[in-house]
């Protein structure tokens, strides 16, 4: 409301912004924390539950890719086959264009805004190979159940987690991002590589000058992360964290 009045003042439709008087008395917006699982043993249990998911095959594939690639839920559910570059066997990747990233509208439309590159580990390629015969002829990896010309619902992954017994206070689709960044830091991976893979915008001067993509390191990290998830899935509750040694 305040912005509307500010525009009115700037265009000589009003003389002041009365909404500004409320800033001192209105409560600030509470920051929402997404439920997540960061205990390796419990994460391994979740991964085994995902393997046993009894829903549709496309939803099962989305569930398997969510913890492995830890991209934003909206980017996952609306993934398009045209975004996947698999010709180079040494560097397969998913390239998410600016218009599909979580950015301000001017940044989305800015020709200089880079796409977000997601290096694909071997485990992700195996999932894509299984999914391609089913949806590869369509635009979306995960087409909607009612309208295949649209992507799956934004509540599909969370709904699947609920069916497996994980309520909203325990785990969410967005929570896989928190899971990955927490454990990757604990495993000793380069913080800059992690933040770049998370597609986080760095604050302040560092964010202006640090444009390094860290792609070679991120490729190694994403494969190591997928291997680590496999180890959690296979080891049950007797998990020994794998410490990563920086080169």
Protein backbone atom coordinates (compact mmCIF):
# COMPACT_ATOMS: atom_id res chain seq x y z
CA UNK A 1 0.00 0.00 0.00
CA UNK A 2 2.84 2.33 0.85
CA UNK A 3 4.37 1.80 -2.58
CA UNK A 4 1.09 2.69 -4.24
CA UNK A 5 0.99 5.96 -2.32
CA UNK A 6 4.66 6.64 -3.13
CA UNK A 7 3.83 6.22 -6.81
CA UNK A 8 0.86 8.55 -6.34
CA UNK A 9 3.12 11.18 -4.77
CA UNK A 10 5.67 10.81 -7.56
CA UNK A 11 2.95 11.29 -10.19
CA UNK A 12 1.33 14.19 -8.31
CA UNK A 13 -1.83 12.24 -7.51
CA UNK A 14 -1.24 12.52 -3.73
CA UNK A 15 0.73 14.75 -1.37
CA UNK A 16 1.92 12.16 1.18
CA UNK A 17 2.12 8.46 2.03
CA UNK A 18 -0.21 7.81 4.99
CA UNK A 19 0.68 4.09 5.04
CA UNK A 20 4.19 5.00 6.18
CA UNK A 21 2.75 5.99 9.57
CA UNK A 22 1.95 2.31 10.26
CA UNK A 23 5.49 0.98 9.90
CA UNK A 24 6.26 1.43 13.60
CA UNK A 25 3.14 -0.39 14.81
CA UNK A 26 2.64 -3.23 12.34
CA UNK A 27 4.43 -6.48 13.27
CA UNK A 28 7.25 -7.47 10.95
CA UNK A 29 6.84 -10.53 8.76
CA UNK A 30 7.97 -13.69 10.49
CA UNK A 31 10.69 -15.58 8.70
CA UNK A 32 9.50 -19.06 7.75
CA UNK A 33 11.81 -21.97 8.34
CA UNK A 34 11.16 -25.05 6.25
CA UNK A 35 11.06 -28.37 8.06
CA UNK A 36 14.08 -30.47 7.19
CA UNK A 37 16.00 -33.59 8.16
CA UNK A 38 19.74 -33.22 8.74
CA UNK A 39 20.45 -36.32 10.83
CA UNK A 40 22.22 -38.79 8.50
CA UNK A 41 20.46 -41.82 9.97
CA UNK A 42 17.01 -40.30 9.60
CA UNK A 43 17.87 -39.08 6.11
CA UNK A 44 18.82 -42.63 5.15
CA UNK A 45 15.45 -43.82 6.44
CA UNK A 46 13.69 -41.17 4.33
CA UNK A 47 15.62 -42.22 1.24
CA UNK A 48 14.56 -45.83 1.76
CA UNK A 49 10.96 -44.71 2.18
CA UNK A 50 11.24 -42.83 -1.12
CA UNK A 51 12.51 -45.98 -2.81
CA UNK A 52 9.40 -47.77 -1.54
CA UNK A 53 6.98 -45.00 -2.58
CA UNK A 54 3.82 -46.56 -4.01
CA UNK A 55 2.51 -43.56 -5.96
CA UNK A 56 2.91 -42.72 -9.64
CA UNK A 57 6.22 -43.33 -11.36
CA UNK A 58 6.71 -39.65 -12.31
CA UNK A 59 6.18 -38.54 -8.71
CA UNK A 60 8.60 -41.24 -7.54
CA UNK A 61 11.24 -39.88 -9.94
CA UNK A 62 10.68 -36.32 -8.68
CA UNK A 63 11.06 -37.56 -5.09
CA UNK A 64 14.35 -39.26 -5.94
CA UNK A 65 15.77 -36.21 -7.71
CA UNK A 66 14.71 -33.72 -5.00
CA UNK A 67 17.33 -34.66 -2.36
CA UNK A 68 19.97 -35.45 -4.98
CA UNK A 69 19.84 -32.15 -6.88
CA UNK A 70 18.36 -29.96 -4.09
CA UNK A 71 17.01 -27.31 -6.42
CA UNK A 72 13.94 -25.24 -5.58
CA UNK A 73 10.65 -27.20 -5.72
CA UNK A 74 9.20 -24.90 -8.37
CA UNK A 75 12.22 -25.43 -10.60
CA UNK A 76 11.96 -29.20 -10.19
CA UNK A 77 8.25 -29.63 -10.84
CA UNK A 78 8.37 -27.44 -13.99
CA UNK A 79 11.59 -28.93 -15.39
CA UNK A 80 11.57 -29.19 -19.19
CA UNK A 81 13.39 -31.77 -21.25
CA UNK A 82 14.86 -29.02 -23.44
CA UNK A 83 16.82 -27.75 -20.41
CA UNK A 84 18.83 -30.97 -20.10
CA UNK A 85 22.14 -31.13 -21.93
CA UNK A 86 23.28 -34.73 -21.96
CA UNK A 87 25.39 -34.91 -25.14
CA UNK A 88 28.70 -34.49 -23.32
CA UNK A 89 29.15 -37.67 -21.24
CA UNK A 90 31.85 -35.96 -19.16
CA UNK A 91 29.71 -32.96 -18.24
CA UNK A 92 25.98 -33.68 -18.37
CA UNK A 93 24.01 -30.84 -16.88
CA UNK A 94 20.63 -29.25 -16.37
CA UNK A 95 20.55 -25.57 -17.35
CA UNK A 96 17.73 -23.61 -15.73
CA UNK A 97 17.09 -20.33 -17.63
CA UNK A 98 16.72 -17.03 -15.75
CA UNK A 99 12.98 -16.84 -16.41
CA UNK A 100 12.50 -20.00 -14.35
CA UNK A 101 14.80 -19.01 -11.51
CA UNK A 102 13.73 -17.37 -8.27
CA UNK A 103 14.69 -13.83 -9.25
CA UNK A 104 13.18 -10.40 -9.38
CA UNK A 105 11.38 -9.66 -12.63
CA UNK A 106 14.07 -7.21 -13.88
CA UNK A 107 16.75 -9.87 -13.29
CA UNK A 108 14.68 -12.51 -15.07
CA UNK A 109 14.41 -10.25 -18.11
CA UNK A 110 18.02 -9.05 -18.03
CA UNK A 111 20.00 -10.60 -20.90
CA UNK A 112 23.12 -10.65 -18.68
CA UNK A 113 21.54 -12.78 -15.97
CA UNK A 114 23.12 -16.24 -16.17
CA UNK A 115 21.28 -19.52 -16.21
CA UNK A 116 21.73 -21.82 -13.23
CA UNK A 117 23.77 -24.91 -14.05
CA UNK A 118 23.06 -28.14 -12.20
CA UNK A 119 25.74 -30.80 -12.84
CA UNK A 120 24.10 -34.21 -13.10
CA UNK A 121 25.58 -37.18 -11.23
CA UNK A 122 25.36 -40.68 -12.67
CA UNK A 123 22.43 -41.54 -10.39
CA UNK A 124 20.39 -38.64 -11.81
CA UNK A 125 21.15 -39.76 -15.36
CA UNK A 126 19.85 -43.23 -14.52
CA UNK A 127 16.56 -41.74 -13.27
CA UNK A 128 16.25 -39.61 -16.41
CA UNK A 129 16.84 -42.68 -18.60
CA UNK A 130 13.96 -44.44 -16.89
CA UNK A 131 11.68 -41.41 -17.10
CA UNK A 132 12.37 -40.49 -20.73
CA UNK A 133 10.29 -43.27 -22.35
CA UNK A 134 7.28 -42.10 -20.35
CA UNK A 135 7.47 -38.28 -20.66
CA UNK A 136 10.37 -37.60 -23.04
CA UNK A 137 7.96 -36.79 -25.88
CA UNK A 138 6.36 -34.05 -23.82
CA UNK A 139 7.55 -30.59 -22.71
CA UNK A 140 7.77 -31.35 -19.00
CA UNK A 141 9.58 -34.12 -17.17
CA UNK A 142 6.69 -34.24 -14.72
CA UNK A 143 3.48 -33.36 -16.58
CA UNK A 144 0.30 -32.73 -14.64
CA UNK A 145 -2.06 -35.61 -14.04
CA UNK A 146 -5.08 -33.65 -15.29
CA UNK A 147 -3.40 -31.61 -18.00
CA UNK A 148 -0.11 -33.00 -19.41
CA UNK A 149 0.55 -29.65 -21.10
CA UNK A 150 1.13 -28.18 -17.65
CA UNK A 151 3.68 -29.30 -15.02
CA UNK A 152 2.73 -31.27 -11.94
CA UNK A 153 1.04 -29.46 -9.08
CA UNK A 154 3.20 -27.48 -6.67
CA UNK A 155 1.87 -29.67 -3.85
CA UNK A 156 2.76 -33.03 -5.41
CA UNK A 157 6.10 -33.63 -3.68
CA UNK A 158 4.85 -32.42 -0.30
CA UNK A 159 1.73 -34.53 -0.74
CA UNK A 160 3.87 -37.60 -1.43
CA UNK A 161 5.92 -36.94 1.71
CA UNK A 162 2.70 -36.76 3.73
CA UNK A 163 1.55 -40.11 2.28
CA UNK A 164 4.82 -41.62 3.47
CA UNK A 165 4.20 -40.32 6.99
CA UNK A 166 6.30 -37.15 6.98
CA UNK A 167 4.15 -34.25 8.18
CA UNK A 168 4.86 -30.58 7.45
CA UNK A 169 6.68 -30.20 10.76
CA UNK A 170 9.11 -33.00 9.84
CA UNK A 171 10.02 -32.61 6.16
CA UNK A 172 9.08 -30.54 3.11
CA UNK A 173 10.14 -30.50 -0.51
CA UNK A 174 12.03 -27.26 0.09
CA UNK A 175 13.65 -28.84 3.13
CA UNK A 176 15.89 -30.94 0.89
CA UNK A 177 17.85 -27.76 0.16
CA UNK A 178 18.51 -27.21 3.86
CA UNK A 179 19.44 -30.86 4.22
CA UNK A 180 22.03 -30.62 1.46
CA UNK A 181 23.64 -27.33 2.48
CA UNK A 182 23.90 -28.47 6.12
CA UNK A 183 25.46 -31.85 5.42
CA UNK A 184 27.70 -30.67 2.56
CA UNK A 185 29.19 -28.07 4.88
CA UNK A 186 29.67 -30.69 7.58
CA UNK A 187 31.35 -32.97 5.04
CA UNK A 188 33.90 -30.24 4.33
CA UNK A 189 33.02 -29.09 0.82
CA UNK A 190 33.93 -25.60 -0.36
CA UNK A 191 31.40 -23.10 0.98
CA UNK A 192 31.48 -21.00 -2.18
CA UNK A 193 30.80 -24.05 -4.34
CA UNK A 194 27.87 -25.02 -2.11
CA UNK A 195 26.37 -21.52 -2.21
CA UNK A 196 26.78 -21.34 -5.97
CA UNK A 197 25.08 -24.71 -6.36
CA UNK A 198 22.26 -23.51 -4.12
CA UNK A 199 21.90 -20.50 -6.47
CA UNK A 200 22.07 -18.17 -3.49
CA UNK A 201 22.89 -14.53 -4.11
CA UNK A 202 25.77 -13.45 -1.93
CA UNK A 203 25.20 -10.21 -0.02
CA UNK A 204 27.31 -7.08 -0.04
CA UNK A 205 30.53 -6.41 -1.92
CA UNK A 206 31.43 -10.09 -2.02
CA UNK A 207 28.26 -10.79 -3.97
CA UNK A 208 29.16 -8.11 -6.52
CA UNK A 209 32.68 -9.35 -7.23
CA UNK A 210 32.46 -13.09 -6.68
CA UNK A 211 31.20 -14.36 -10.02
CA UNK A 212 33.10 -17.67 -9.97
CA UNK A 213 30.92 -20.59 -11.00
CA UNK A 214 33.15 -23.30 -9.46
CA UNK A 215 31.78 -25.73 -12.04
CA UNK A 216 34.60 -28.31 -11.98
CA UNK A 217 34.41 -28.51 -8.19
CA UNK A 218 30.61 -28.55 -8.25
CA UNK A 219 30.61 -31.49 -10.66
CA UNK A 220 32.76 -33.47 -8.24
CA UNK A 221 30.65 -32.34 -5.31
CA UNK A 222 27.34 -33.34 -6.90
CA UNK A 223 28.64 -36.82 -7.71
CA UNK A 224 30.09 -37.18 -4.22
CA UNK A 225 26.76 -36.05 -2.74
CA UNK A 226 24.80 -38.60 -4.77
CA UNK A 227 27.26 -41.32 -3.68
CA UNK A 228 26.88 -40.19 -0.06
CA UNK A 229 23.10 -40.45 -0.30
CA UNK A 230 23.52 -43.98 -1.65
CA UNK A 231 25.70 -44.84 1.34
CA UNK A 232 23.06 -43.49 3.75
CA UNK A 233 20.36 -45.47 2.00
CA UNK A 234 22.35 -48.68 2.24
CA UNK A 235 23.82 -48.39 5.73
CA UNK A 236 20.62 -48.10 7.74
CA UNK A 237 21.12 -46.45 11.10
CA UNK A 238 24.82 -47.32 11.36
CA UNK A 239 26.04 -44.30 9.46
CA UNK A 240 29.64 -43.12 9.54
CA UNK A 241 29.81 -39.65 7.90
CA UNK A 242 32.25 -39.44 5.02
CA UNK A 243 34.65 -36.56 5.53
CA UNK A 244 35.55 -34.70 2.37
CA UNK A 245 39.11 -33.54 1.98
CA UNK A 246 39.54 -30.40 -0.07
CA UNK A 247 42.09 -30.68 -2.85
